[in-house]
Amino acid sequence: MLLEVTVEKAHEATDAWLISLDGELDHYSAPRFAWALDTATPPAGQGVVLDLSGLGFLDSSGLAARLALYHRMDQAGAGFAIVSSRPQITRMFAVTAIDQVVAVRRTQRRAFAALAGTAAQHNGRRAGAPEAT
């Protein structure tokens, strides 16, 4: 299945961008994801919510591409949060402890709220604590 990447300015109150993925993020599509980010990365200092709700599959290559986006945002001093409503993908973030560094939330609303909290706490510890169930 192809990977569709949508980048849009989504949330004026937090000055954040929304990147939505539909399809599969794997060995074959990770380069497409990286290319899309290189050509459509939000301006430095603006936060990003990565919505994986439409993602049907994520392998280690896709995870690495997602980590590269996190590092890019971190170096720019920008907030970063993930929307993941699929248990198998959310579990991958828990197993790899990514959810300890990056806010992983079930809805866009919660991810944007976590992003706002990350900006407020950026000088302290990272706001990547897992969402309460």
Protein backbone atom coordinates (compact mmCIF):
# COMPACT_ATOMS: atom_id res chain seq x y z
CA MET A 1 0.00 0.00 0.00
CA LEU A 2 1.29 3.46 -0.82
CA LEU A 3 2.06 6.03 1.82
CA GLU A 4 0.18 9.31 1.63
CA VAL A 5 1.67 12.25 3.54
CA THR A 6 -0.36 15.38 4.23
CA VAL A 7 1.22 18.47 5.78
CA GLU A 8 -0.97 21.34 6.91
CA LYS A 9 -1.02 24.29 9.26
CA ALA A 10 -3.64 22.99 11.64
CA HIS A 11 -3.68 24.75 14.96
CA GLU A 12 -3.23 28.53 15.14
CA ALA A 13 -3.39 28.67 18.96
CA THR A 14 -0.28 26.50 19.34
CA ASP A 15 1.42 27.59 16.11
CA ALA A 16 1.70 23.89 15.28
CA TRP A 17 1.58 21.89 12.08
CA LEU A 18 -0.19 18.60 11.44
CA ILE A 19 1.48 15.83 9.43
CA SER A 20 -0.89 12.95 8.69
CA LEU A 21 0.14 9.57 7.33
CA ASP A 22 -2.13 7.08 5.56
CA GLY A 23 -0.94 3.67 4.40
CA GLU A 24 2.19 1.87 5.50
CA LEU A 25 5.45 3.32 6.81
CA ASP A 26 8.03 0.64 6.12
CA HIS A 27 11.32 -0.04 4.35
CA TYR A 28 9.83 0.86 0.97
CA SER A 29 7.92 3.99 1.99
CA ALA A 30 10.34 5.48 4.57
CA PRO A 31 12.34 7.29 1.85
CA ARG A 32 9.09 8.85 0.55
CA PHE A 33 8.28 10.01 4.10
CA ALA A 34 11.78 11.51 4.46
CA TRP A 35 11.48 13.25 1.08
CA ALA A 36 8.07 14.68 2.00
CA LEU A 37 9.49 16.05 5.24
CA ASP A 38 12.49 17.55 3.48
CA THR A 39 10.25 19.39 1.03
CA ALA A 40 7.46 20.33 3.45
CA THR A 41 8.98 20.72 6.90
CA PRO A 42 7.28 23.42 8.97
CA PRO A 43 9.37 26.50 9.82
CA ALA A 44 11.92 26.15 12.61
CA GLY A 45 10.49 26.62 16.08
CA GLN A 46 6.95 25.58 15.16
CA GLY A 47 5.59 22.40 16.70
CA VAL A 48 4.47 19.28 14.86
CA VAL A 49 1.76 16.74 15.56
CA LEU A 50 2.35 13.52 13.60
CA ASP A 51 -0.99 11.75 13.13
CA LEU A 52 -0.54 8.03 12.56
CA SER A 53 -4.25 7.17 12.86
CA GLY A 54 -4.39 6.22 9.17
CA LEU A 55 -1.24 4.13 9.35
CA GLY A 56 -1.89 0.42 8.93
CA PHE A 57 1.68 -0.78 9.42
CA LEU A 58 4.90 0.55 10.91
CA ASP A 59 8.19 -1.39 10.81
CA SER A 60 11.66 -0.55 12.10
CA SER A 61 12.49 1.53 9.01
CA GLY A 62 9.35 3.56 9.55
CA LEU A 63 10.19 3.91 13.22
CA ALA A 64 13.66 5.21 12.30
CA ALA A 65 12.12 7.76 9.90
CA ARG A 66 9.78 8.90 12.64
CA LEU A 67 12.73 9.24 15.05
CA ALA A 68 14.58 11.36 12.49
CA LEU A 69 11.61 13.77 12.45
CA TYR A 70 11.68 13.92 16.26
CA HIS A 71 15.40 14.75 16.26
CA ARG A 72 14.89 17.45 13.64
CA MET A 73 12.13 19.05 15.73
CA ASP A 74 14.16 18.74 18.94
CA GLN A 75 17.21 20.43 17.37
CA ALA A 76 14.98 23.26 16.16
CA GLY A 77 13.54 23.69 19.65
CA ALA A 78 10.10 22.71 18.39
CA GLY A 79 7.52 20.58 20.18
CA PHE A 80 6.57 17.17 18.84
CA ALA A 81 3.65 14.86 19.62
CA ILE A 82 2.19 11.74 18.00
CA VAL A 83 -1.40 10.62 17.46
CA SER A 84 -1.67 6.84 17.51
CA SER A 85 -5.05 5.19 17.86
CA ARG A 86 -3.99 1.71 16.72
CA PRO A 87 -2.91 -0.53 19.60
CA GLN A 88 -0.23 -2.39 17.62
CA ILE A 89 1.50 0.87 16.69
CA THR A 90 1.11 2.42 20.14
CA ARG A 91 2.61 -0.76 21.63
CA MET A 92 5.70 -0.34 19.43
CA PHE A 93 6.26 3.09 20.99
CA ALA A 94 5.92 1.59 24.47
CA VAL A 95 8.26 -1.35 23.79
CA THR A 96 10.95 0.94 22.41
CA ALA A 97 10.37 3.53 25.21
CA ILE A 98 9.73 6.27 22.64
CA ASP A 99 6.59 7.15 24.58
CA GLN A 100 8.87 8.17 27.46
CA VAL A 101 10.43 10.93 25.31
CA VAL A 102 7.62 11.92 22.94
CA ALA A 103 3.98 12.51 23.85
CA VAL A 104 1.91 9.73 22.23
CA ARG A 105 -1.82 10.43 22.38
CA ARG A 106 -4.99 8.80 21.02
CA THR A 107 -6.55 11.92 19.47
CA GLN A 108 -5.39 15.06 17.71
CA ARG A 109 -6.98 17.19 20.42
CA ARG A 110 -4.93 15.47 23.12
CA ALA A 111 -1.76 15.62 21.02
CA PHE A 112 -2.12 19.37 20.47
CA ALA A 113 -2.75 19.81 24.20
CA ALA A 114 0.40 17.78 24.97
CA LEU A 115 2.32 19.89 22.47
CA ALA A 116 1.21 23.05 24.27
CA GLY A 117 2.35 21.45 27.54
CA THR A 118 5.71 20.54 26.00
CA ALA A 119 6.28 24.15 24.99
CA ALA A 120 5.49 25.30 28.52
CA GLN A 121 7.84 22.71 30.03
CA HIS A 122 10.61 22.81 27.41
CA ASN A 123 13.15 24.18 29.89
CA GLY A 124 12.36 21.36 32.33
CA ARG A 125 11.80 17.66 31.74
CA ARG A 126 10.27 16.53 28.47
CA ALA A 127 6.49 16.11 28.41
CA GLY A 128 6.57 12.66 26.87
CA ALA A 129 4.95 10.80 29.75
CA PRO A 130 2.53 8.14 28.50
CA GLU A 131 -1.14 8.99 28.36
CA ALA A 132 -3.21 7.62 31.23
CA THR A 133 -5.60 4.87 30.17
